[in-house]
């Protein structure tokens, strides 16, 4: 799909029946080590209700850095960060927060600590579980973490949910296939924008994804290259991953 053919993605709104159109952005931001101004421009142009971040700042003054990003993008911190080993949730003031929980996954000696940032939020009459994840670089640990992610998602006990993350695996991998077997792979359900998320300088593989539970209607999902306000230069400068933007219609509870 060329930039000129990119259709508009539905705007956020609450429908008369209580259902809600929610814009969800998944983004590995590489601990804000790249061009933060470019990152802010990309996020703001996507107009998200939820940002499911991977590789948020985790060390010295991490809360200050995360709060600065939230303020610059007209969002607020919801959960995660260092307390979830990197995944972070940001949301707009449109969201009503019911519950948040940061989860640390079992540590494999010699590997990075991994975790999940989770929340339950409401948009109008729609109730939505939210999980941001960043799975392991090693296959066996990644598979175990994908299974645990699904277990924690079920434990949220919500009718509908969205997951976004750096899966560190292509769609044909067994961990990705496990997630796509239980959840909708939003790109596969309704492709929009570009597919590949790595690397910004040479996009050739899809290792970042947004997933949704079966009852959620996917209105469009993909890398927002060509979205007004999102320049190729900013996408290359903002991070070593490309973001994934999805518009979802969530039924009323």
Protein backbone atom coordinates (compact mmCIF):
# COMPACT_ATOMS: atom_id res chain seq x y z
CA UNK A 1 0.00 0.00 0.00
CA UNK A 2 1.47 3.37 -0.97
CA UNK A 3 1.37 6.40 1.26
CA UNK A 4 -1.12 8.08 -1.05
CA UNK A 5 -3.49 5.10 -0.73
CA UNK A 6 -3.49 5.12 3.08
CA UNK A 7 -7.11 5.48 4.20
CA UNK A 8 -8.05 7.39 7.31
CA UNK A 9 -8.17 5.35 10.49
CA UNK A 10 -11.40 5.78 12.49
CA UNK A 11 -11.31 8.46 15.16
CA UNK A 12 -11.86 7.73 18.83
CA UNK A 13 -15.49 7.96 19.86
CA UNK A 14 -18.19 6.50 22.06
CA UNK A 15 -21.24 5.15 20.27
CA UNK A 16 -24.86 5.65 21.42
CA UNK A 17 -25.04 1.97 22.42
CA UNK A 18 -22.08 2.40 24.82
CA UNK A 19 -19.52 0.72 22.60
CA UNK A 20 -16.29 2.59 21.95
CA UNK A 21 -13.78 3.08 19.15
CA UNK A 22 -10.37 3.04 20.81
CA UNK A 23 -7.03 3.86 19.17
CA UNK A 24 -4.19 1.72 20.52
CA UNK A 25 -0.51 2.32 19.83
CA UNK A 26 2.16 -0.30 20.53
CA UNK A 27 5.71 1.07 20.54
CA UNK A 28 9.16 -0.12 21.59
CA UNK A 29 10.83 3.20 22.48
CA UNK A 30 14.32 1.89 23.30
CA UNK A 31 14.44 3.57 26.72
CA UNK A 32 14.18 7.05 25.13
CA UNK A 33 17.76 6.73 23.87
CA UNK A 34 16.93 8.10 20.42
CA UNK A 35 15.36 11.37 19.23
CA UNK A 36 12.72 12.07 21.87
CA UNK A 37 11.24 15.02 19.97
CA UNK A 38 10.69 12.78 16.94
CA UNK A 39 9.09 10.15 19.18
CA UNK A 40 6.71 12.71 20.65
CA UNK A 41 5.68 13.91 17.18
CA UNK A 42 4.92 10.34 16.08
CA UNK A 43 2.88 9.52 19.17
CA UNK A 44 0.89 12.76 19.05
CA UNK A 45 0.12 12.32 15.34
CA UNK A 46 -1.32 8.85 16.06
CA UNK A 47 -3.84 10.36 18.53
CA UNK A 48 -3.94 7.25 20.72
CA UNK A 49 -6.24 6.54 23.64
CA UNK A 50 -3.78 3.92 24.89
CA UNK A 51 -0.03 3.60 24.34
CA UNK A 52 1.42 0.19 25.17
CA UNK A 53 5.14 0.86 25.49
CA UNK A 54 8.05 -1.55 25.53
CA UNK A 55 11.54 -0.66 26.75
CA UNK A 56 10.42 2.29 28.84
CA UNK A 57 13.15 3.86 31.00
CA UNK A 58 13.94 1.50 33.92
CA UNK A 59 16.82 3.01 35.82
CA UNK A 60 17.79 6.35 37.42
CA UNK A 61 14.77 8.70 37.64
CA UNK A 62 12.74 6.47 35.36
CA UNK A 63 9.43 7.85 36.64
CA UNK A 64 10.52 11.39 35.75
CA UNK A 65 11.40 10.34 32.20
CA UNK A 66 8.15 8.44 31.73
CA UNK A 67 6.12 11.33 33.14
CA UNK A 68 7.88 13.73 30.75
CA UNK A 69 6.92 11.56 27.79
CA UNK A 70 3.33 11.33 28.99
CA UNK A 71 3.06 15.09 29.46
CA UNK A 72 4.61 15.83 26.06
CA UNK A 73 2.07 13.57 24.34
CA UNK A 74 -0.97 14.81 26.32
CA UNK A 75 -1.30 11.44 28.07
CA UNK A 76 -0.98 10.19 31.64
CA UNK A 77 0.94 7.29 33.15
CA UNK A 78 -1.30 4.31 33.79
CA UNK A 79 1.02 1.52 34.98
CA UNK A 80 4.34 -0.19 34.40
CA UNK A 81 7.84 1.09 33.80
CA UNK A 82 10.70 -0.24 35.92
CA UNK A 83 8.19 -2.03 38.17
CA UNK A 84 7.18 -4.17 35.16
CA UNK A 85 10.77 -4.47 33.84
CA UNK A 86 10.11 -2.15 30.89
CA UNK A 87 6.52 -2.39 29.65
CA UNK A 88 4.59 0.83 30.35
CA UNK A 89 0.99 1.91 29.81
CA UNK A 90 -0.04 5.48 28.97
CA UNK A 91 -3.63 6.58 28.44
CA UNK A 92 -5.67 9.63 27.53
CA UNK A 93 -8.05 11.29 29.97
CA UNK A 94 -10.82 9.58 28.06
CA UNK A 95 -10.06 6.37 29.96
CA UNK A 96 -11.57 5.58 33.34
CA UNK A 97 -9.17 3.36 35.26
CA UNK A 98 -10.52 0.43 37.28
CA UNK A 99 -7.39 -1.55 38.08
CA UNK A 100 -3.64 -1.67 37.39
CA UNK A 101 -1.03 -4.31 38.16
CA UNK A 102 2.65 -4.68 37.30
CA UNK A 103 3.78 -8.29 36.95
CA UNK A 104 7.34 -9.60 36.96
CA UNK A 105 7.79 -12.88 35.11
CA UNK A 106 10.17 -15.58 36.37
CA UNK A 107 13.80 -14.70 35.83
CA UNK A 108 15.94 -17.09 33.79
CA UNK A 109 19.58 -16.86 34.92
CA UNK A 110 21.65 -14.99 32.39
CA UNK A 111 18.61 -13.41 30.69
CA UNK A 112 16.94 -10.02 31.09
CA UNK A 113 14.09 -9.71 33.56
CA UNK A 114 10.75 -9.50 31.75
CA UNK A 115 7.34 -8.36 32.93
CA UNK A 116 3.86 -7.25 32.02
CA UNK A 117 2.12 -3.91 32.53
CA UNK A 118 -1.60 -4.58 32.92
CA UNK A 119 -4.75 -2.56 33.52
CA UNK A 120 -8.51 -2.62 33.24
CA UNK A 121 -10.06 0.58 31.85
CA UNK A 122 -13.42 1.79 30.62
CA UNK A 123 -14.32 3.92 27.61
CA UNK A 124 -17.99 4.82 27.77
CA UNK A 125 -19.79 1.53 28.35
CA UNK A 126 -16.87 -0.55 27.06
CA UNK A 127 -14.65 -2.34 29.57
CA UNK A 128 -11.20 -3.33 28.33
CA UNK A 129 -8.24 -5.26 29.69
CA UNK A 130 -4.85 -3.95 28.58
CA UNK A 131 -1.47 -5.70 28.57
CA UNK A 132 1.92 -4.50 27.31
CA UNK A 133 4.64 -7.12 26.92
CA UNK A 134 8.20 -7.59 25.70
CA UNK A 135 9.05 -11.25 25.25
CA UNK A 136 12.43 -12.94 25.56
CA UNK A 137 15.11 -13.20 22.90
CA UNK A 138 15.41 -16.94 23.55
CA UNK A 139 12.85 -19.33 22.07
CA UNK A 140 12.07 -21.55 25.06
CA UNK A 141 11.72 -18.67 27.50
CA UNK A 142 9.69 -16.68 24.99
CA UNK A 143 7.25 -19.58 24.59
CA UNK A 144 6.81 -19.88 28.36
CA UNK A 145 6.26 -16.13 28.64
CA UNK A 146 3.61 -16.17 25.89
CA UNK A 147 1.74 -18.85 27.83
CA UNK A 148 2.01 -16.86 31.07
CA UNK A 149 0.80 -13.74 29.25
CA UNK A 150 -2.37 -15.56 28.20
CA UNK A 151 -2.85 -16.84 31.75
CA UNK A 152 -2.52 -13.34 33.21
CA UNK A 153 -4.85 -11.97 30.54
CA UNK A 154 -7.50 -14.53 31.52
CA UNK A 155 -7.02 -13.59 35.18
CA UNK A 156 -8.06 -10.00 34.41
CA UNK A 157 -11.59 -11.45 34.04
CA UNK A 158 -12.76 -8.93 31.45
CA UNK A 159 -14.98 -9.53 28.40
CA UNK A 160 -12.58 -7.79 26.00
CA UNK A 161 -8.87 -7.07 25.98
CA UNK A 162 -5.99 -5.76 23.90
CA UNK A 163 -2.34 -6.84 24.02
CA UNK A 164 0.56 -5.10 22.32
CA UNK A 165 4.20 -5.95 22.45
CA UNK A 166 7.60 -6.61 21.05
CA UNK A 167 7.21 -10.34 20.46
CA UNK A 168 10.83 -10.76 19.32
CA UNK A 169 9.54 -13.29 16.81
CA UNK A 170 7.93 -13.31 13.37
CA UNK A 171 4.34 -14.50 12.85
CA UNK A 172 5.43 -18.00 11.83
CA UNK A 173 7.20 -18.51 15.19
CA UNK A 174 5.55 -20.76 17.77
CA UNK A 175 5.13 -18.07 20.44
CA UNK A 176 3.54 -15.66 17.98
CA UNK A 177 1.33 -18.48 16.70
CA UNK A 178 0.26 -19.32 20.26
CA UNK A 179 -0.87 -15.73 20.83
CA UNK A 180 -2.57 -15.53 17.44
CA UNK A 181 -4.32 -18.82 18.15
CA UNK A 182 -6.04 -17.40 21.24
CA UNK A 183 -6.32 -13.76 20.15
CA UNK A 184 -6.85 -11.83 16.93
CA UNK A 185 -3.64 -10.73 15.24
CA UNK A 186 -4.93 -7.27 14.39
CA UNK A 187 -2.69 -6.77 11.35
CA UNK A 188 -3.89 -10.06 9.87
CA UNK A 189 -7.51 -9.22 10.71
CA UNK A 190 -7.58 -5.74 9.09
CA UNK A 191 -4.31 -4.61 7.47
CA UNK A 192 -3.77 -0.87 7.32
CA UNK A 193 -0.57 1.10 6.82
CA UNK A 194 2.66 -0.90 6.62
CA UNK A 195 3.33 -4.39 7.94
CA UNK A 196 6.99 -4.62 8.93
CA UNK A 197 8.17 -3.10 12.22
CA UNK A 198 11.90 -3.80 12.19
CA UNK A 199 14.10 -2.05 11.40
CA UNK A 200 13.08 1.56 10.70
CA UNK A 201 15.94 1.97 8.23
CA UNK A 202 15.15 -1.34 6.49
CA UNK A 203 11.69 -2.67 7.41
CA UNK A 204 11.79 -6.39 6.57
CA UNK A 205 10.12 -8.26 9.43
CA UNK A 206 7.09 -8.01 11.71
CA UNK A 207 8.14 -8.70 15.31
CA UNK A 208 5.84 -6.15 17.02
CA UNK A 209 2.09 -6.66 17.10
CA UNK A 210 -1.28 -5.70 18.52
CA UNK A 211 -3.66 -8.51 19.50
CA UNK A 212 -7.29 -8.35 20.60
CA UNK A 213 -9.77 -10.80 22.06
CA UNK A 214 -12.27 -12.28 19.58
CA UNK A 215 -15.20 -10.03 20.51
CA UNK A 216 -13.34 -6.83 19.57
CA UNK A 217 -13.84 -5.52 16.03
CA UNK A 218 -10.56 -4.56 14.35
CA UNK A 219 -11.08 -1.47 12.17
CA UNK A 220 -7.49 -1.19 10.98
CA UNK A 221 -3.96 -1.98 12.19
CA UNK A 222 -0.42 -1.38 10.99
CA UNK A 223 2.62 0.87 10.98
CA UNK A 224 1.32 4.44 10.55
CA UNK A 225 3.74 5.46 7.80
CA UNK A 226 1.93 8.10 5.75
CA UNK A 227 -0.40 9.18 8.54
CA UNK A 228 -0.58 12.99 8.60
CA UNK A 229 2.13 14.24 10.94
CA UNK A 230 4.16 11.01 10.80
CA UNK A 231 7.23 11.55 8.64
CA UNK A 232 9.65 8.84 7.50
CA UNK A 233 12.45 10.87 9.09
CA UNK A 234 10.74 10.87 12.49
CA UNK A 235 10.00 7.15 12.29
CA UNK A 236 13.69 6.44 11.65
CA UNK A 237 14.89 8.84 14.34
CA UNK A 238 12.44 7.98 17.14
CA UNK A 239 13.43 4.38 17.92
CA UNK A 240 14.93 1.18 16.54
CA UNK A 241 11.38 -0.22 16.12
CA UNK A 242 8.40 1.09 14.21
CA UNK A 243 5.10 1.62 16.04
CA UNK A 244 1.89 -0.33 15.44
CA UNK A 245 -1.39 1.63 15.50
CA UNK A 246 -4.78 -0.06 15.72
CA UNK A 247 -8.35 1.22 15.80
CA UNK A 248 -10.65 -1.15 17.65
CA UNK A 249 -14.39 -1.13 18.30
CA UNK A 250 -14.99 -2.50 21.79
CA UNK A 251 -18.54 -3.62 22.59
CA UNK A 252 -20.31 -2.25 25.63
CA UNK A 253 -20.03 -4.44 28.70
